[in-house]
PDB file of N, CA and C in Angstrom:
ATOM      1  N   UNK A   1     -59.939 110.501 123.997  1.00  0.00           N
ATOM      2  CA  UNK A   1     -58.904 109.676 124.599  1.00  0.00           C
ATOM      3  C   UNK A   1     -59.024 108.273 124.017  1.00  0.00           C
ATOM      4  N   UNK A   2     -57.909 107.718 123.656  1.00  0.00           N
ATOM      5  CA  UNK A   2     -57.875 106.404 123.041  1.00  0.00           C
ATOM      6  C   UNK A   2     -57.657 105.335 124.116  1.00  0.00           C
ATOM      7  N   UNK A   3     -58.605 104.450 124.272  1.00  0.00           N
ATOM      8  CA  UNK A   3     -58.520 103.404 125.299  1.00  0.00           C
ATOM      9  C   UNK A   3     -57.341 102.464 125.051  1.00  0.00           C
ATOM     10  N   UNK A   4     -56.928 102.316 123.801  1.00  0.00           N
ATOM     11  CA  UNK A   4     -55.805 101.426 123.490  1.00  0.00           C
ATOM     12  C   UNK A   4     -54.507 101.937 124.107  1.00  0.00           C
ATOM     13  N   UNK A   5     -54.386 103.244 124.278  1.00  0.00           N
ATOM     14  CA  UNK A   5     -53.185 103.800 124.914  1.00  0.00           C
ATOM     15  C   UNK A   5     -53.036 103.259 126.327  1.00  0.00           C
ATOM     16  N   UNK A   6     -54.130 103.194 127.053  1.00  0.00           N
ATOM     17  CA  UNK A   6     -54.091 102.684 128.429  1.00  0.00           C
ATOM     18  C   UNK A   6     -53.730 101.203 128.454  1.00  0.00           C
ATOM     19  N   UNK A   7     -54.225 100.461 127.491  1.00  0.00           N
ATOM     20  CA  UNK A   7     -53.944  99.032 127.428  1.00  0.00           C
ATOM     21  C   UNK A   7     -52.479  98.759 127.104  1.00  0.00           C
ATOM     22  N   UNK A   8     -51.798  99.715 126.465  1.00  0.00           N
ATOM     23  CA  UNK A   8     -50.390  99.548 126.106  1.00  0.00           C
ATOM     24  C   UNK A   8     -49.447  99.864 127.262  1.00  0.00           C
ATOM     25  N   UNK A   9     -49.948 100.450 128.358  1.00  0.00           N
ATOM     26  CA  UNK A   9     -49.087 100.733 129.513  1.00  0.00           C
ATOM     27  C   UNK A   9     -48.558  99.422 130.081  1.00  0.00           C
ATOM     28  N   UNK A  10     -47.271  99.368 130.321  1.00  0.00           N
ATOM     29  CA  UNK A  10     -46.613  98.171 130.846  1.00  0.00           C
ATOM     30  C   UNK A  10     -47.144  97.870 132.248  1.00  0.00           C
ATOM     31  N   UNK A  11     -47.827  96.751 132.406  1.00  0.00           N
ATOM     32  CA  UNK A  11     -48.456  96.403 133.688  1.00  0.00           C
ATOM     33  C   UNK A  11     -47.427  96.132 134.786  1.00  0.00           C
ATOM     34  N   UNK A  12     -46.238  95.693 134.402  1.00  0.00           N
ATOM     35  CA  UNK A  12     -45.192  95.453 135.403  1.00  0.00           C
ATOM     36  C   UNK A  12     -44.757  96.778 136.017  1.00  0.00           C
ATOM     37  N   UNK A  13     -44.550  97.788 135.190  1.00  0.00           N
ATOM     38  CA  UNK A  13     -44.075  99.089 135.670  1.00  0.00           C
ATOM     39  C   UNK A  13     -45.203  99.905 136.284  1.00  0.00           C
ATOM     40  N   UNK A  14     -46.414  99.746 135.797  1.00  0.00           N
ATOM     41  CA  UNK A  14     -47.514 100.648 136.156  1.00  0.00           C
ATOM     42  C   UNK A  14     -47.915 100.605 137.628  1.00  0.00           C
ATOM     43  N   UNK A  15     -47.630  99.550 138.332  1.00  0.00           N
ATOM     44  CA  UNK A  15     -47.942  99.490 139.766  1.00  0.00           C
ATOM     45  C   UNK A  15     -47.094 100.546 140.471  1.00  0.00           C
ATOM     46  N   UNK A  16     -47.710 101.312 141.402  1.00  0.00           N
ATOM     47  CA  UNK A  16     -47.040 102.502 141.951  1.00  0.00           C
ATOM     48  C   UNK A  16     -45.707 102.215 142.638  1.00  0.00           C
ATOM     49  N   UNK A  17     -45.588 101.108 143.336  1.00  0.00           N
ATOM     50  CA  UNK A  17     -44.328 100.780 143.991  1.00  0.00           C
ATOM     51  C   UNK A  17     -43.224 100.500 142.981  1.00  0.00           C
ATOM     52  N   UNK A  18     -43.561  99.742 141.932  1.00  0.00           N
ATOM     53  CA  UNK A  18     -42.564  99.423 140.915  1.00  0.00           C
ATOM     54  C   UNK A  18     -42.227 100.645 140.064  1.00  0.00           C
ATOM     55  N   UNK A  19     -43.214 101.502 139.828  1.00  0.00           N
ATOM     56  CA  UNK A  19     -42.936 102.737 139.096  1.00  0.00           C
ATOM     57  C   UNK A  19     -41.972 103.611 139.894  1.00  0.00           C
ATOM     58  N   UNK A  20     -42.141 103.651 141.197  1.00  0.00           N
ATOM     59  CA  UNK A  20     -41.247 104.435 142.055  1.00  0.00           C
ATOM     60  C   UNK A  20     -39.830 103.866 142.015  1.00  0.00           C
ATOM     61  N   UNK A  21     -39.706 102.555 142.082  1.00  0.00           N
ATOM     62  CA  UNK A  21     -38.386 101.914 142.019  1.00  0.00           C
ATOM     63  C   UNK A  21     -37.722 102.218 140.679  1.00  0.00           C
ATOM     64  N   UNK A  22     -38.455 102.041 139.594  1.00  0.00           N
ATOM     65  CA  UNK A  22     -37.911 102.303 138.261  1.00  0.00           C
ATOM     66  C   UNK A  22     -37.486 103.760 138.127  1.00  0.00           C
ATOM     67  N   UNK A  23     -38.282 104.677 138.656  1.00  0.00           N
ATOM     68  CA  UNK A  23     -37.953 106.108 138.597  1.00  0.00           C
ATOM     69  C   UNK A  23     -36.661 106.404 139.339  1.00  0.00           C
ATOM     70  N   UNK A  24     -36.520 105.829 140.526  1.00  0.00           N
ATOM     71  CA  UNK A  24     -35.307 106.043 141.319  1.00  0.00           C
ATOM     72  C   UNK A  24     -34.081 105.488 140.588  1.00  0.00           C
ATOM     73  N   UNK A  25     -34.201 104.305 140.040  1.00  0.00           N
ATOM     74  CA  UNK A  25     -33.061 103.686 139.368  1.00  0.00           C
ATOM     75  C   UNK A  25     -32.734 104.377 138.045  1.00  0.00           C
ATOM     76  N   UNK A  26     -33.743 104.882 137.358  1.00  0.00           N
ATOM     77  CA  UNK A  26     -33.507 105.575 136.087  1.00  0.00           C
ATOM     78  C   UNK A  26     -32.738 106.871 136.305  1.00  0.00           C
ATOM     79  N   UNK A  27     -32.940 107.490 137.441  1.00  0.00           N
ATOM     80  CA  UNK A  27     -32.288 108.768 137.708  1.00  0.00           C
ATOM     81  C   UNK A  27     -30.964 108.671 138.424  1.00  0.00           C
ATOM     82  N   UNK A  28     -30.642 107.518 138.978  1.00  0.00           N
ATOM     83  CA  UNK A  28     -29.455 107.470 139.819  1.00  0.00           C
ATOM     84  C   UNK A  28     -28.524 106.295 139.630  1.00  0.00           C
ATOM     85  N   UNK A  29     -28.641 105.569 138.548  1.00  0.00           N
ATOM     86  CA  UNK A  29     -27.766 104.407 138.389  1.00  0.00           C
ATOM     87  C   UNK A  29     -28.100 103.341 139.408  1.00  0.00           C
ATOM     88  N   UNK A  30     -27.077 102.661 139.921  1.00  0.00           N
ATOM     89  CA  UNK A  30     -27.308 101.622 140.927  1.00  0.00           C
ATOM     90  C   UNK A  30     -27.548 102.249 142.290  1.00  0.00           C
ATOM     91  N   UNK A  31     -28.476 101.657 143.026  1.00  0.00           N
ATOM     92  CA  UNK A  31     -28.759 102.089 144.396  1.00  0.00           C
ATOM     93  C   UNK A  31     -28.789 100.868 145.296  1.00  0.00           C
ATOM     94  N   UNK A  32     -28.427 101.071 146.538  1.00  0.00           N
ATOM     95  CA  UNK A  32     -28.473  99.962 147.486  1.00  0.00           C
ATOM     96  C   UNK A  32     -29.920  99.692 147.877  1.00  0.00           C
ATOM     97  N   UNK A  33     -30.156  98.465 148.293  1.00  0.00           N
ATOM     98  CA  UNK A  33     -31.475  98.073 148.777  1.00  0.00           C
ATOM     99  C   UNK A  33     -31.903  99.007 149.907  1.00  0.00           C
ATOM    100  N   UNK A  34     -30.989  99.299 150.818  1.00  0.00           N
ATOM    101  CA  UNK A  34     -31.289 100.159 151.968  1.00  0.00           C
ATOM    102  C   UNK A  34     -31.665 101.563 151.521  1.00  0.00           C
ATOM    103  N   UNK A  35     -30.927 102.116 150.559  1.00  0.00           N
ATOM    104  CA  UNK A  35     -31.248 103.456 150.058  1.00  0.00           C
ATOM    105  C   UNK A  35     -32.623 103.484 149.401  1.00  0.00           C
ATOM    106  N   UNK A  36     -32.920 102.464 148.602  1.00  0.00           N
ATOM    107  CA  UNK A  36     -34.246 102.379 147.976  1.00  0.00           C
ATOM    108  C   UNK A  36     -35.338 102.266 149.032  1.00  0.00           C
ATOM    109  N   UNK A  37     -35.137 101.364 149.973  1.00  0.00           N
ATOM    110  CA  UNK A  37     -36.135 101.147 151.033  1.00  0.00           C
ATOM    111  C   UNK A  37     -36.412 102.439 151.792  1.00  0.00           C
ATOM    112  N   UNK A  38     -35.362 103.145 152.177  1.00  0.00           N
ATOM    113  CA  UNK A  38     -35.532 104.373 152.952  1.00  0.00           C
ATOM    114  C   UNK A  38     -36.149 105.495 152.127  1.00  0.00           C
ATOM    115  N   UNK A  39     -35.708 105.650 150.885  1.00  0.00           N
ATOM    116  CA  UNK A  39     -36.226 106.721 150.029  1.00  0.00           C
ATOM    117  C   UNK A  39     -37.696 106.517 149.689  1.00  0.00           C
ATOM    118  N   UNK A  40     -38.093 105.263 149.522  1.00  0.00           N
ATOM    119  CA  UNK A  40     -39.467 104.961 149.111  1.00  0.00           C
ATOM    120  C   UNK A  40     -40.375 104.599 150.281  1.00  0.00           C
ATOM    121  N   UNK A  41     -39.805 104.543 151.475  1.00  0.00           N
ATOM    122  CA  UNK A  41     -40.563 104.235 152.687  1.00  0.00           C
ATOM    123  C   UNK A  41     -41.339 102.922 152.541  1.00  0.00           C
ATOM    124  N   UNK A  42     -40.624 101.890 152.097  1.00  0.00           N
ATOM    125  CA  UNK A  42     -41.216 100.561 151.932  1.00  0.00           C
ATOM    126  C   UNK A  42     -40.652  99.624 152.991  1.00  0.00           C
ATOM    127  N   UNK A  43     -41.393  98.581 153.263  1.00  0.00           N
ATOM    128  CA  UNK A  43     -40.871  97.532 154.140  1.00  0.00           C
ATOM    129  C   UNK A  43     -39.897  96.674 153.331  1.00  0.00           C
ATOM    130  N   UNK A  44     -39.055  95.930 154.025  1.00  0.00           N
ATOM    131  CA  UNK A  44     -38.121  95.029 153.341  1.00  0.00           C
ATOM    132  C   UNK A  44     -38.873  94.043 152.446  1.00  0.00           C
ATOM    133  N   UNK A  45     -39.931  93.460 152.982  1.00  0.00           N
ATOM    134  CA  UNK A  45     -40.699  92.465 152.235  1.00  0.00           C
ATOM    135  C   UNK A  45     -41.363  93.040 150.999  1.00  0.00           C
ATOM    136  N   UNK A  46     -41.938  94.230 151.132  1.00  0.00           N
ATOM    137  CA  UNK A  46     -42.606  94.876 150.007  1.00  0.00           C
ATOM    138  C   UNK A  46     -41.600  95.202 148.906  1.00  0.00           C
ATOM    139  N   UNK A  47     -40.470  95.789 149.290  1.00  0.00           N
ATOM    140  CA  UNK A  47     -39.444  96.138 148.307  1.00  0.00           C
ATOM    141  C   UNK A  47     -38.886  94.882 147.639  1.00  0.00           C
ATOM    142  N   UNK A  48     -38.642  93.842 148.419  1.00  0.00           N
ATOM    143  CA  UNK A  48     -38.128  92.585 147.871  1.00  0.00           C
ATOM    144  C   UNK A  48     -39.080  92.016 146.825  1.00  0.00           C
ATOM    145  N   UNK A  49     -40.370  92.031 147.121  1.00  0.00           N
ATOM    146  CA  UNK A  49     -41.374  91.502 146.195  1.00  0.00           C
ATOM    147  C   UNK A  49     -41.387  92.290 144.889  1.00  0.00           C
ATOM    148  N   UNK A  50     -41.363  93.615 144.986  1.00  0.00           N
ATOM    149  CA  UNK A  50     -41.376  94.448 143.776  1.00  0.00           C
ATOM    150  C   UNK A  50     -40.094  94.266 142.966  1.00  0.00           C
ATOM    151  N   UNK A  51     -38.960  94.201 143.632  1.00  0.00           N
ATOM    152  CA  UNK A  51     -37.693  94.003 142.923  1.00  0.00           C
ATOM    153  C   UNK A  51     -37.685  92.642 142.232  1.00  0.00           C
ATOM    154  N   UNK A  52     -38.217  91.623 142.888  1.00  0.00           N
ATOM    155  CA  UNK A  52     -38.291  90.285 142.285  1.00  0.00           C
ATOM    156  C   UNK A  52     -39.117  90.329 140.997  1.00  0.00           C
ATOM    157  N   UNK A  53     -40.253  91.018 141.032  1.00  0.00           N
ATOM    158  CA  UNK A  53     -41.107  91.134 139.845  1.00  0.00           C
ATOM    159  C   UNK A  53     -40.369  91.850 138.717  1.00  0.00           C
ATOM    160  N   UNK A  54     -39.685  92.944 139.046  1.00  0.00           N
ATOM    161  CA  UNK A  54     -38.933  93.697 138.037  1.00  0.00           C
ATOM    162  C   UNK A  54     -37.765  92.874 137.488  1.00  0.00           C
ATOM    163  N   UNK A  55     -37.146  92.085 138.346  1.00  0.00           N
ATOM    164  CA  UNK A  55     -36.032  91.224 137.931  1.00  0.00           C
ATOM    165  C   UNK A  55     -36.535  90.129 136.990  1.00  0.00           C
ATOM    166  N   UNK A  56     -37.674  89.523 137.319  1.00  0.00           N
ATOM    167  CA  UNK A  56     -38.250  88.472 136.476  1.00  0.00           C
ATOM    168  C   UNK A  56     -38.635  89.008 135.098  1.00  0.00           C
ATOM    169  N   UNK A  57     -39.006  90.293 135.040  1.00  0.00           N
ATOM    170  CA  UNK A  57     -39.347  90.920 133.760  1.00  0.00           C
ATOM    171  C   UNK A  57     -38.095  91.302 132.970  1.00  0.00           C
ATOM    172  N   UNK A  58     -36.932  91.191 133.604  1.00  0.00           N
ATOM    173  CA  UNK A  58     -35.685  91.544 132.939  1.00  0.00           C
ATOM    174  C   UNK A  58     -35.361  93.022 132.998  1.00  0.00           C
ATOM    175  N   UNK A  59     -36.036  93.753 133.880  1.00  0.00           N
ATOM    176  CA  UNK A  59     -35.861  95.204 133.969  1.00  0.00           C
ATOM    177  C   UNK A  59     -34.802  95.626 134.981  1.00  0.00           C
ATOM    178  N   UNK A  60     -34.530  94.775 135.957  1.00  0.00           N
ATOM    179  CA  UNK A  60     -33.618  95.131 137.049  1.00  0.00           C
ATOM    180  C   UNK A  60     -32.597  94.017 137.239  1.00  0.00           C
ATOM    181  N   UNK A  61     -31.378  94.413 137.556  1.00  0.00           N
ATOM    182  CA  UNK A  61     -30.335  93.462 137.925  1.00  0.00           C
ATOM    183  C   UNK A  61     -29.995  93.708 139.392  1.00  0.00           C
ATOM    184  N   UNK A  62     -29.813  92.621 140.130  1.00  0.00           N
ATOM    185  CA  UNK A  62     -29.498  92.702 141.561  1.00  0.00           C
ATOM    186  C   UNK A  62     -28.103  92.120 141.771  1.00  0.00           C
ATOM    187  N   UNK A  63     -27.266  92.866 142.486  1.00  0.00           N
ATOM    188  CA  UNK A  63     -25.906  92.405 142.801  1.00  0.00           C
ATOM    189  C   UNK A  63     -25.753  92.299 144.304  1.00  0.00           C
ATOM    190  N   UNK A  64     -25.149  91.220 144.743  1.00  0.00           N
ATOM    191  CA  UNK A  64     -24.895  91.025 146.176  1.00  0.00           C
ATOM    192  C   UNK A  64     -23.388  90.962 146.381  1.00  0.00           C
ATOM    193  N   UNK A  65     -22.880  91.891 147.184  1.00  0.00           N
ATOM    194  CA  UNK A  65     -21.449  91.959 147.482  1.00  0.00           C
ATOM    195  C   UNK A  65     -21.281  92.232 148.973  1.00  0.00           C
ATOM    196  N   UNK A  66     -20.071  92.560 149.350  1.00  0.00           N
ATOM    197  CA  UNK A  66     -19.790  92.936 150.735  1.00  0.00           C
ATOM    198  C   UNK A  66     -19.109  94.296 150.756  1.00  0.00           C
ATOM    199  N   UNK A  67     -19.450  95.092 151.743  1.00  0.00           N
ATOM    200  CA  UNK A  67     -18.811  96.382 151.968  1.00  0.00           C
ATOM    201  C   UNK A  67     -18.527  96.494 153.460  1.00  0.00           C
ATOM    202  N   UNK A  68     -17.275  96.693 153.821  1.00  0.00           N
ATOM    203  CA  UNK A  68     -16.885  96.745 155.239  1.00  0.00           C
ATOM    204  C   UNK A  68     -17.352  95.498 155.992  1.00  0.00           C
ATOM    205  N   UNK A  69     -17.161  94.342 155.372  1.00  0.00           N
ATOM    206  CA  UNK A  69     -17.547  93.050 155.955  1.00  0.00           C
ATOM    207  C   UNK A  69     -19.042  92.919 156.219  1.00  0.00           C
ATOM    208  N   UNK A  70     -19.850  93.715 155.524  1.00  0.00           N
ATOM    209  CA  UNK A  70     -21.313  93.621 155.663  1.00  0.00           C
ATOM    210  C   UNK A  70     -21.912  93.364 154.290  1.00  0.00           C
ATOM    211  N   UNK A  71     -22.970  92.572 154.235  1.00  0.00           N
ATOM    212  CA  UNK A  71     -23.606  92.319 152.940  1.00  0.00           C
ATOM    213  C   UNK A  71     -24.162  93.620 152.347  1.00  0.00           C
ATOM    214  N   UNK A  72     -24.004  93.758 151.036  1.00  0.00           N
ATOM    215  CA  UNK A  72     -24.518  94.931 150.337  1.00  0.00           C
ATOM    216  C   UNK A  72     -25.256  94.464 149.094  1.00  0.00           C
ATOM    217  N   UNK A  73     -26.541  94.767 149.032  1.00  0.00           N
ATOM    218  CA  UNK A  73     -27.354  94.430 147.870  1.00  0.00           C
ATOM    219  C   UNK A  73     -27.619  95.715 147.104  1.00  0.00           C
ATOM    220  N   UNK A  74     -27.277  95.714 145.810  1.00  0.00           N
ATOM    221  CA  UNK A  74     -27.532  96.881 144.971  1.00  0.00           C
ATOM    222  C   UNK A  74     -28.425  96.484 143.809  1.00  0.00           C
ATOM    223  N   UNK A  75     -29.158  97.455 143.318  1.00  0.00           N
ATOM    224  CA  UNK A  75     -30.078  97.241 142.205  1.00  0.00           C
ATOM    225  C   UNK A  75     -29.800  98.286 141.135  1.00  0.00           C
ATOM    226  N   UNK A  76     -29.960  97.891 139.893  1.00  0.00           N
ATOM    227  CA  UNK A  76     -29.799  98.811 138.773  1.00  0.00           C
ATOM    228  C   UNK A  76     -30.684  98.376 137.624  1.00  0.00           C
ATOM    229  N   UNK A  77     -30.928  99.289 136.702  1.00  0.00           N
ATOM    230  CA  UNK A  77     -31.735  98.962 135.534  1.00  0.00           C
ATOM    231  C   UNK A  77     -30.885  98.243 134.495  1.00  0.00           C
ATOM    232  N   UNK A  78     -31.482  97.284 133.827  1.00  0.00           N
ATOM    233  CA  UNK A  78     -30.854  96.647 132.677  1.00  0.00           C
ATOM    234  C   UNK A  78     -31.128  97.532 131.459  1.00  0.00           C
ATOM    235  N   UNK A  79     -30.508  97.215 130.334  1.00  0.00           N
ATOM    236  CA  UNK A  79     -30.790  97.951 129.094  1.00  0.00           C
ATOM    237  C   UNK A  79     -32.271  97.807 128.735  1.00  0.00           C
ATOM    238  N   UNK A  80     -32.807  96.606 128.917  1.00  0.00           N
ATOM    239  CA  UNK A  80     -34.230  96.379 128.638  1.00  0.00           C
ATOM    240  C   UNK A  80     -35.102  97.189 129.589  1.00  0.00           C
ATOM    241  N   UNK A  81     -34.676  97.313 130.843  1.00  0.00           N
ATOM    242  CA  UNK A  81     -35.416  98.100 131.820  1.00  0.00           C
ATOM    243  C   UNK A  81     -35.432  99.576 131.467  1.00  0.00           C
ATOM    244  N   UNK A  82     -34.288 100.101 131.025  1.00  0.00           N
ATOM    245  CA  UNK A  82     -34.218 101.512 130.607  1.00  0.00           C
ATOM    246  C   UNK A  82     -35.130 101.760 129.415  1.00  0.00           C
ATOM    247  N   UNK A  83     -35.083 100.836 128.454  1.00  0.00           N
ATOM    248  CA  UNK A  83     -35.921 100.970 127.258  1.00  0.00           C
ATOM    249  C   UNK A  83     -37.400 100.918 127.625  1.00  0.00           C
ATOM    250  N   UNK A  84     -37.780  99.932 128.425  1.00  0.00           N
ATOM    251  CA  UNK A  84     -39.185  99.778 128.818  1.00  0.00           C
ATOM    252  C   UNK A  84     -39.669 100.989 129.605  1.00  0.00           C
ATOM    253  N   UNK A  85     -38.829 101.508 130.501  1.00  0.00           N
ATOM    254  CA  UNK A  85     -39.231 102.661 131.300  1.00  0.00           C
ATOM    255  C   UNK A  85     -39.357 103.901 130.416  1.00  0.00           C
ATOM    256  N   UNK A  86     -38.446 104.071 129.469  1.00  0.00           N
ATOM    257  CA  UNK A  86     -38.537 105.198 128.534  1.00  0.00           C
ATOM    258  C   UNK A  86     -39.817 105.146 127.720  1.00  0.00           C
ATOM    259  N   UNK A  87     -40.163 103.960 127.234  1.00  0.00           N
ATOM    260  CA  UNK A  87     -41.404 103.788 126.470  1.00  0.00           C
ATOM    261  C   UNK A  87     -42.623 104.036 127.350  1.00  0.00           C
ATOM    262  N   UNK A  88     -42.571 103.555 128.576  1.00  0.00           N
ATOM    263  CA  UNK A  88     -43.676 103.743 129.521  1.00  0.00           C
ATOM    264  C   UNK A  88     -43.899 105.232 129.782  1.00  0.00           C
ATOM    265  N   UNK A  89     -42.818 105.958 130.077  1.00  0.00           N
ATOM    266  CA  UNK A  89     -42.916 107.395 130.360  1.00  0.00           C
ATOM    267  C   UNK A  89     -43.420 108.144 129.131  1.00  0.00           C
ATOM    268  N   UNK A  90     -42.920 107.780 127.949  1.00  0.00           N
ATOM    269  CA  UNK A  90     -43.372 108.425 126.717  1.00  0.00           C
ATOM    270  C   UNK A  90     -44.862 108.237 126.489  1.00  0.00           C
ATOM    271  N   UNK A  91     -45.349 107.032 126.706  1.00  0.00           N
ATOM    272  CA  UNK A  91     -46.773 106.755 126.532  1.00  0.00           C
ATOM    273  C   UNK A  91     -47.600 107.499 127.573  1.00  0.00           C
ATOM    274  N   UNK A  92     -47.129 107.522 128.807  1.00  0.00           N
ATOM    275  CA  UNK A  92     -47.836 108.244 129.870  1.00  0.00           C
ATOM    276  C   UNK A  92     -47.898 109.735 129.555  1.00  0.00           C
ATOM    277  N   UNK A  93     -46.800 110.300 129.054  1.00  0.00           N
ATOM    278  CA  UNK A  93     -46.784 111.717 128.673  1.00  0.00           C
ATOM    279  C   UNK A  93     -47.786 111.989 127.556  1.00  0.00           C
ATOM    280  N   UNK A  94     -47.883 111.087 126.582  1.00  0.00           N
ATOM    281  CA  UNK A  94     -48.838 111.255 125.486  1.00  0.00           C
ATOM    282  C   UNK A  94     -50.272 111.214 125.999  1.00  0.00           C
ATOM    283  N   UNK A  95     -50.544 110.334 126.950  1.00  0.00           N
ATOM    284  CA  UNK A  95     -51.887 110.241 127.534  1.00  0.00           C
ATOM    285  C   UNK A  95     -52.226 111.532 128.270  1.00  0.00           C
ATOM    286  N   UNK A  96     -51.283 112.047 129.047  1.00  0.00           N
ATOM    287  CA  UNK A  96     -51.510 113.291 129.797  1.00  0.00           C
ATOM    288  C   UNK A  96     -51.704 114.459 128.834  1.00  0.00           C
ATOM    289  N   UNK A  97     -50.896 114.520 127.787  1.00  0.00           N
ATOM    290  CA  UNK A  97     -51.018 115.597 126.793  1.00  0.00           C
ATOM    291  C   UNK A  97     -52.400 115.570 126.151  1.00  0.00           C
ATOM    292  N   UNK A  98     -52.848 114.387 125.812  1.00  0.00           N
ATOM    293  CA  UNK A  98     -54.177 114.235 125.203  1.00  0.00           C
ATOM    294  C   UNK A  98     -55.274 114.665 126.179  1.00  0.00           C
ATOM    295  N   UNK A  99     -55.105 114.330 127.444  1.00  0.00           N
ATOM    296  CA  UNK A  99     -56.115 114.673 128.452  1.00  0.00           C
ATOM    297  C   UNK A  99     -56.193 116.177 128.692  1.00  0.00           C
ATOM    298  N   UNK A 100     -55.104 116.889 128.442  1.00  0.00           N
ATOM    299  CA  UNK A 100     -55.079 118.335 128.676  1.00  0.00           C
ATOM    300  C   UNK A 100     -55.669 119.140 127.523  1.00  0.00           C
ATOM    301  N   UNK A 101     -55.917 118.488 126.397  1.00  0.00           N
ATOM    302  CA  UNK A 101     -56.507 119.191 125.257  1.00  0.00           C
ATOM    303  C   UNK A 101     -57.911 119.651 125.627  1.00  0.00           C
ATOM    304  N   UNK A 102     -58.300 120.839 125.130  1.00  0.00           N
ATOM    305  CA  UNK A 102     -59.667 121.298 125.411  1.00  0.00           C
ATOM    306  C   UNK A 102     -60.685 120.313 124.831  1.00  0.00           C
ATOM    307  N   UNK A 103     -61.741 120.138 125.557  1.00  0.00           N
ATOM    308  CA  UNK A 103     -62.797 119.226 125.115  1.00  0.00           C
ATOM    309  C   UNK A 103     -63.476 119.795 123.878  1.00  0.00           C
ATOM    310  N   UNK A 104     -63.819 118.911 122.970  1.00  0.00           N
ATOM    311  CA  UNK A 104     -64.548 119.333 121.775  1.00  0.00           C
ATOM    312  C   UNK A 104     -65.977 119.650 122.184  1.00  0.00           C
ATOM    313  N   UNK A 105     -66.530 120.735 121.619  1.00  0.00           N
ATOM    314  CA  UNK A 105     -67.919 121.056 121.975  1.00  0.00           C
ATOM    315  C   UNK A 105     -68.855 119.949 121.504  1.00  0.00           C
ATOM    316  N   UNK A 106     -69.803 119.655 122.328  1.00  0.00           N
ATOM    317  CA  UNK A 106     -70.783 118.622 121.972  1.00  0.00           C
ATOM    318  C   UNK A 106     -71.810 119.219 121.026  1.00  0.00           C
ATOM    319  N   UNK A 107     -72.220 118.407 120.084  1.00  0.00           N
ATOM    320  CA  UNK A 107     -73.273 118.865 119.178  1.00  0.00           C
ATOM    321  C   UNK A 107     -74.604 118.734 119.889  1.00  0.00           C
ATOM    322  N   UNK A 108     -75.399 119.753 119.718  1.00  0.00           N
ATOM    323  CA  UNK A 108     -76.736 119.705 120.317  1.00  0.00           C
ATOM    324  C   UNK A 108     -77.618 118.826 119.452  1.00  0.00           C
ATOM    325  N   UNK A 109     -78.388 118.012 120.121  1.00  0.00           N
ATOM    326  CA  UNK A 109     -79.319 117.142 119.407  1.00  0.00           C
ATOM    327  C   UNK A 109     -80.664 117.834 119.310  1.00  0.00           C
ATOM    328  N   UNK A 110     -81.257 117.657 118.174  1.00  0.00           N
ATOM    329  CA  UNK A 110     -82.597 118.205 118.004  1.00  0.00           C
ATOM    330  C   UNK A 110     -83.591 117.256 118.651  1.00  0.00           C
ATOM    331  N   UNK A 111     -84.498 117.840 119.375  1.00  0.00           N
ATOM    332  CA  UNK A 111     -85.552 117.046 119.990  1.00  0.00           C
ATOM    333  C   UNK A 111     -86.753 117.110 119.060  1.00  0.00           C
ATOM    334  N   UNK A 112     -87.188 115.958 118.653  1.00  0.00           N
ATOM    335  CA  UNK A 112     -88.321 115.877 117.740  1.00  0.00           C
ATOM    336  C   UNK A 112     -89.546 115.501 118.549  1.00  0.00           C
ATOM    337  N   UNK A 113     -90.552 116.347 118.463  1.00  0.00           N
ATOM    338  CA  UNK A 113     -91.793 116.072 119.190  1.00  0.00           C
ATOM    339  C   UNK A 113     -92.550 114.970 118.467  1.00  0.00           C
ATOM    340  N   UNK A 114     -93.139 114.098 119.230  1.00  0.00           N
ATOM    341  CA  UNK A 114     -93.863 112.976 118.639  1.00  0.00           C
ATOM    342  C   UNK A 114     -95.273 113.347 118.331  1.00  0.00           C
TER     343      UNK A 114
END
């Protein structure tokens, strides 16, 4: 296993909450804050913090509108977010593939009596 592969994992995405958000958005286009919160079982504050981090990285865009006279916040991936998530998933798949390879047999060392 190459340690450099692990170092190349995007630290912004790699946190489990942000990875979950990115996964949801990659599969479903834009989602409302409420839908994300409920699907991921996060608190408002926790989800807000993770979305802010993803937004600062340029991975997520947040839109605030109104629906039926009620505020509606939606989130979606930017082009950079889609690219970064695709690269992240590809690297993670390569790491898993490498880990599943059979272990190479260890060479036996000769013990030399003194």
